[in-house]
Amino acid sequence: MTLFADKTPKSWGARGAKALVLQFDGGSRGNPGPAGVGVTLVDEQDNPVYELSEFLGTCTNNVAEYTGLLRGLAAAQALGATKLTVRSDSELLVRQINGIYKVKSPDLKPLYQQAMTLIRKIGEVKVSHTYREGNTRADELANMAMDSRGKIEPLGPAIIAH
């Protein structure tokens, strides 16, 4: 399946590996409160290939963070990524995904399990922590979602198979 044919990096076909970088943010105004996610996917040359700003309704900050991760992983998979670098400003999520912390919250367990399933399907995935200053576009998109209470895909939709 070809997605974003006009924006697909030419280097992808050369070595067979499709490498992307995912950054995401989830936020909640109140905890719980009105929440949104922001997702960015860029290629190895830092060219944007997908962005998402999506309002979630009312949920906690941690649920919003996991939802952002899930939206980003699903988009990366739909775009054919086989190698993914994930950067998040949620230290809790990063440590849970990397197996340093156990997931104890009943609200987060199913989201964690979904994330791990998607990670296994993609292949090579590295998840690391970035500070808020290194996650500005995803934060901007999450805030845009909470302000607009809608969904925006500025670069066009990723076709996500269900």
Foldseek 3Di string as FASTA:
>chain_A
DADPVVPQDPCCVVVVAFEKEKEKAKDDPPAFHWIWMWIWIAGPVRHTDWIKIATDGTHGRVLRRLVRLLVHLQLCVLNPHLAYEYEYQDPVVLCCLVVNDPDDDPSCVVSSVSNVVSDVVSHHYHYDYDHPVVRPRGVVSGVVCSVVVGMDIPNDDRDGDD
